[in-house]
Amino acid sequence: MIYSIQVYLENYFHRCGLTDPDQYAVSLARLYERHRDRKTAPAFLTAMRRLRTVFYKHNERTQRAPFERKLLILLDAKFKKKEFCSSRRHSLRGLKLRAVG
């Protein structure tokens, strides 16, 4: 999964004309895979800010905070797992009762 996220980010950077001199895509992919499911969006944005990178110095026209928010929205749309729906749990319970009865 980390590789898929990394490739997605690298392709996005390339489409935007941005350079990635210190493999920021790899660091961000690892962070996303390991921690996104346990953190809220603001907490994850804070974790993204803590990543040390020269990506934003080499791409001076890119403002870090808005760009990170946009990246998180894109990553969530593509890779975030769906929330477990509690109504589905009830329907499975009903099916079990019907099978037994």
C-alpha atoms as a PDB file:
ATOM      1  CA  MET A   1       0.000   0.000   0.000  1.00  0.00           C
ATOM      2  CA  ILE A   2       2.851   2.399   0.771  1.00  0.00           C
ATOM      3  CA  TYR A   3       4.157   1.959  -2.764  1.00  0.00           C
ATOM      4  CA  SER A   4       0.745   2.798  -4.267  1.00  0.00           C
ATOM      5  CA  ILE A   5       0.519   5.974  -2.194  1.00  0.00           C
ATOM      6  CA  GLN A   6       4.091   6.915  -3.082  1.00  0.00           C
ATOM      7  CA  VAL A   7       3.519   6.469  -6.811  1.00  0.00           C
ATOM      8  CA  TYR A   8       0.265   8.441  -6.611  1.00  0.00           C
ATOM      9  CA  LEU A   9       2.074  11.327  -4.874  1.00  0.00           C
ATOM     10  CA  GLU A  10       5.032  11.245  -7.271  1.00  0.00           C
ATOM     11  CA  ASN A  11       2.690  11.349 -10.251  1.00  0.00           C
ATOM     12  CA  TYR A  12       0.754  14.234  -8.708  1.00  0.00           C
ATOM     13  CA  PHE A  13       3.986  16.175  -8.066  1.00  0.00           C
ATOM     14  CA  HIS A  14       5.094  15.535 -11.640  1.00  0.00           C
ATOM     15  CA  ARG A  15       1.750  16.749 -13.058  1.00  0.00           C
ATOM     16  CA  CYS A  16       2.071  19.915 -10.972  1.00  0.00           C
ATOM     17  CA  GLY A  17       5.647  20.464 -12.154  1.00  0.00           C
ATOM     18  CA  LEU A  18       7.135  20.019  -8.682  1.00  0.00           C
ATOM     19  CA  THR A  19      10.483  18.400  -7.851  1.00  0.00           C
ATOM     20  CA  ASP A  20      10.968  15.948  -4.982  1.00  0.00           C
ATOM     21  CA  PRO A  21      14.684  16.104  -4.103  1.00  0.00           C
ATOM     22  CA  ASP A  22      14.504  14.276  -0.756  1.00  0.00           C
ATOM     23  CA  GLN A  23      11.750  11.731  -1.456  1.00  0.00           C
ATOM     24  CA  TYR A  24       9.028  13.594   0.398  1.00  0.00           C
ATOM     25  CA  ALA A  25       6.506  11.330  -1.353  1.00  0.00           C
ATOM     26  CA  VAL A  26       8.037   8.276   0.362  1.00  0.00           C
ATOM     27  CA  SER A  27       7.992   9.895   3.806  1.00  0.00           C
ATOM     28  CA  LEU A  28       4.436  11.091   3.372  1.00  0.00           C
ATOM     29  CA  ALA A  29       3.289   7.686   2.078  1.00  0.00           C
ATOM     30  CA  ARG A  30       4.767   5.944   5.138  1.00  0.00           C
ATOM     31  CA  LEU A  31       3.155   8.438   7.484  1.00  0.00           C
ATOM     32  CA  TYR A  32      -0.220   8.115   5.763  1.00  0.00           C
ATOM     33  CA  GLU A  33      -0.197   4.315   5.768  1.00  0.00           C
ATOM     34  CA  ARG A  34       0.893   3.991   9.390  1.00  0.00           C
ATOM     35  CA  HIS A  35      -1.066   6.758  11.105  1.00  0.00           C
ATOM     36  CA  ARG A  36      -3.990   8.108   9.068  1.00  0.00           C
ATOM     37  CA  ASP A  37      -6.586   5.633  10.282  1.00  0.00           C
ATOM     38  CA  ARG A  38      -5.990   6.592  13.932  1.00  0.00           C
ATOM     39  CA  LYS A  39      -5.819  10.385  13.581  1.00  0.00           C
ATOM     40  CA  THR A  40      -8.305  13.105  12.819  1.00  0.00           C
ATOM     41  CA  ALA A  41      -7.607  15.397   9.891  1.00  0.00           C
ATOM     42  CA  PRO A  42      -6.205  18.257  12.049  1.00  0.00           C
ATOM     43  CA  ALA A  43      -3.998  15.844  14.005  1.00  0.00           C
ATOM     44  CA  PHE A  44      -2.725  14.271  10.810  1.00  0.00           C
ATOM     45  CA  LEU A  45      -2.000  17.686   9.276  1.00  0.00           C
ATOM     46  CA  THR A  46       0.093  18.431  12.365  1.00  0.00           C
ATOM     47  CA  ALA A  47       1.994  15.181  11.819  1.00  0.00           C
ATOM     48  CA  MET A  48       2.532  16.132   8.158  1.00  0.00           C
ATOM     49  CA  ARG A  49       3.976  19.482   9.243  1.00  0.00           C
ATOM     50  CA  ARG A  50       6.483  17.651  11.432  1.00  0.00           C
ATOM     51  CA  LEU A  51       8.007  15.831   8.455  1.00  0.00           C
ATOM     52  CA  ARG A  52      11.414  17.282   7.705  1.00  0.00           C
ATOM     53  CA  THR A  53      11.812  18.023   4.019  1.00  0.00           C
ATOM     54  CA  VAL A  54      13.383  20.452   1.565  1.00  0.00           C
ATOM     55  CA  PHE A  55      10.478  19.873  -0.826  1.00  0.00           C
ATOM     56  CA  TYR A  56       8.938  23.266  -0.087  1.00  0.00           C
ATOM     57  CA  LYS A  57      12.265  25.129  -0.416  1.00  0.00           C
ATOM     58  CA  HIS A  58      12.835  23.637  -3.868  1.00  0.00           C
ATOM     59  CA  ASN A  59       9.241  24.395  -4.869  1.00  0.00           C
ATOM     60  CA  GLU A  60       9.059  27.960  -3.600  1.00  0.00           C
ATOM     61  CA  ARG A  61       5.758  28.818  -5.276  1.00  0.00           C
ATOM     62  CA  THR A  62       4.052  26.147  -3.166  1.00  0.00           C
ATOM     63  CA  GLN A  63       2.740  27.256   0.219  1.00  0.00           C
ATOM     64  CA  ARG A  64       3.058  24.391   2.652  1.00  0.00           C
ATOM     65  CA  ALA A  65      -0.146  24.595   4.727  1.00  0.00           C
ATOM     66  CA  PRO A  66      -2.671  24.841   1.861  1.00  0.00           C
ATOM     67  CA  PHE A  67      -0.743  22.289  -0.205  1.00  0.00           C
ATOM     68  CA  GLU A  68      -0.708  19.782   2.673  1.00  0.00           C
ATOM     69  CA  ARG A  69      -4.467  20.220   3.163  1.00  0.00           C
ATOM     70  CA  LYS A  70      -5.002  19.564  -0.530  1.00  0.00           C
ATOM     71  CA  LEU A  71      -2.741  16.489  -0.428  1.00  0.00           C
ATOM     72  CA  LEU A  72      -4.660  15.084   2.519  1.00  0.00           C
ATOM     73  CA  ILE A  73      -7.985  15.566   0.735  1.00  0.00           C
ATOM     74  CA  LEU A  74      -6.617  13.833  -2.365  1.00  0.00           C
ATOM     75  CA  LEU A  75      -5.126  10.948  -0.377  1.00  0.00           C
ATOM     76  CA  ASP A  76      -8.286  10.448   1.654  1.00  0.00           C
ATOM     77  CA  ALA A  77     -10.410  10.388  -1.493  1.00  0.00           C
ATOM     78  CA  LYS A  78      -8.164   7.770  -3.079  1.00  0.00           C
ATOM     79  CA  PHE A  79      -6.911   5.612  -0.189  1.00  0.00           C
ATOM     80  CA  LYS A  80      -8.844   6.110   3.041  1.00  0.00           C
ATOM     81  CA  LYS A  81     -10.755   3.026   4.111  1.00  0.00           C
ATOM     82  CA  LYS A  82     -14.484   3.325   4.497  1.00  0.00           C
ATOM     83  CA  GLU A  83     -15.885   3.740   7.989  1.00  0.00           C
ATOM     84  CA  PHE A  84     -17.675   0.673   9.328  1.00  0.00           C
ATOM     85  CA  CYS A  85     -21.377   1.302   9.163  1.00  0.00           C
ATOM     86  CA  SER A  86     -23.236   0.372  12.372  1.00  0.00           C
ATOM     87  CA  SER A  87     -26.471  -0.332  10.480  1.00  0.00           C
ATOM     88  CA  ARG A  88     -24.696  -3.106   8.589  1.00  0.00           C
ATOM     89  CA  ARG A  89     -23.916  -4.791  11.917  1.00  0.00           C
ATOM     90  CA  HIS A  90     -27.623  -4.899  12.713  1.00  0.00           C
ATOM     91  CA  SER A  91     -28.505  -6.417   9.364  1.00  0.00           C
ATOM     92  CA  LEU A  92     -25.912  -9.183   9.809  1.00  0.00           C
ATOM     93  CA  ARG A  93     -27.327  -9.949  13.253  1.00  0.00           C
ATOM     94  CA  GLY A  94     -30.796 -10.234  11.734  1.00  0.00           C
ATOM     95  CA  LEU A  95     -29.536 -12.615   9.087  1.00  0.00           C
ATOM     96  CA  LYS A  96     -27.988 -14.859  11.724  1.00  0.00           C
ATOM     97  CA  LEU A  97     -31.250 -14.969  13.647  1.00  0.00           C
ATOM     98  CA  ARG A  98     -33.175 -15.881  10.498  1.00  0.00           C
ATOM     99  CA  ALA A  99     -30.700 -18.650   9.647  1.00  0.00           C
ATOM    100  CA  VAL A 100     -30.959 -20.163  13.137  1.00  0.00           C
ATOM    101  CA  GLY A 101     -34.781 -19.861  13.373  1.00  0.00           C
END
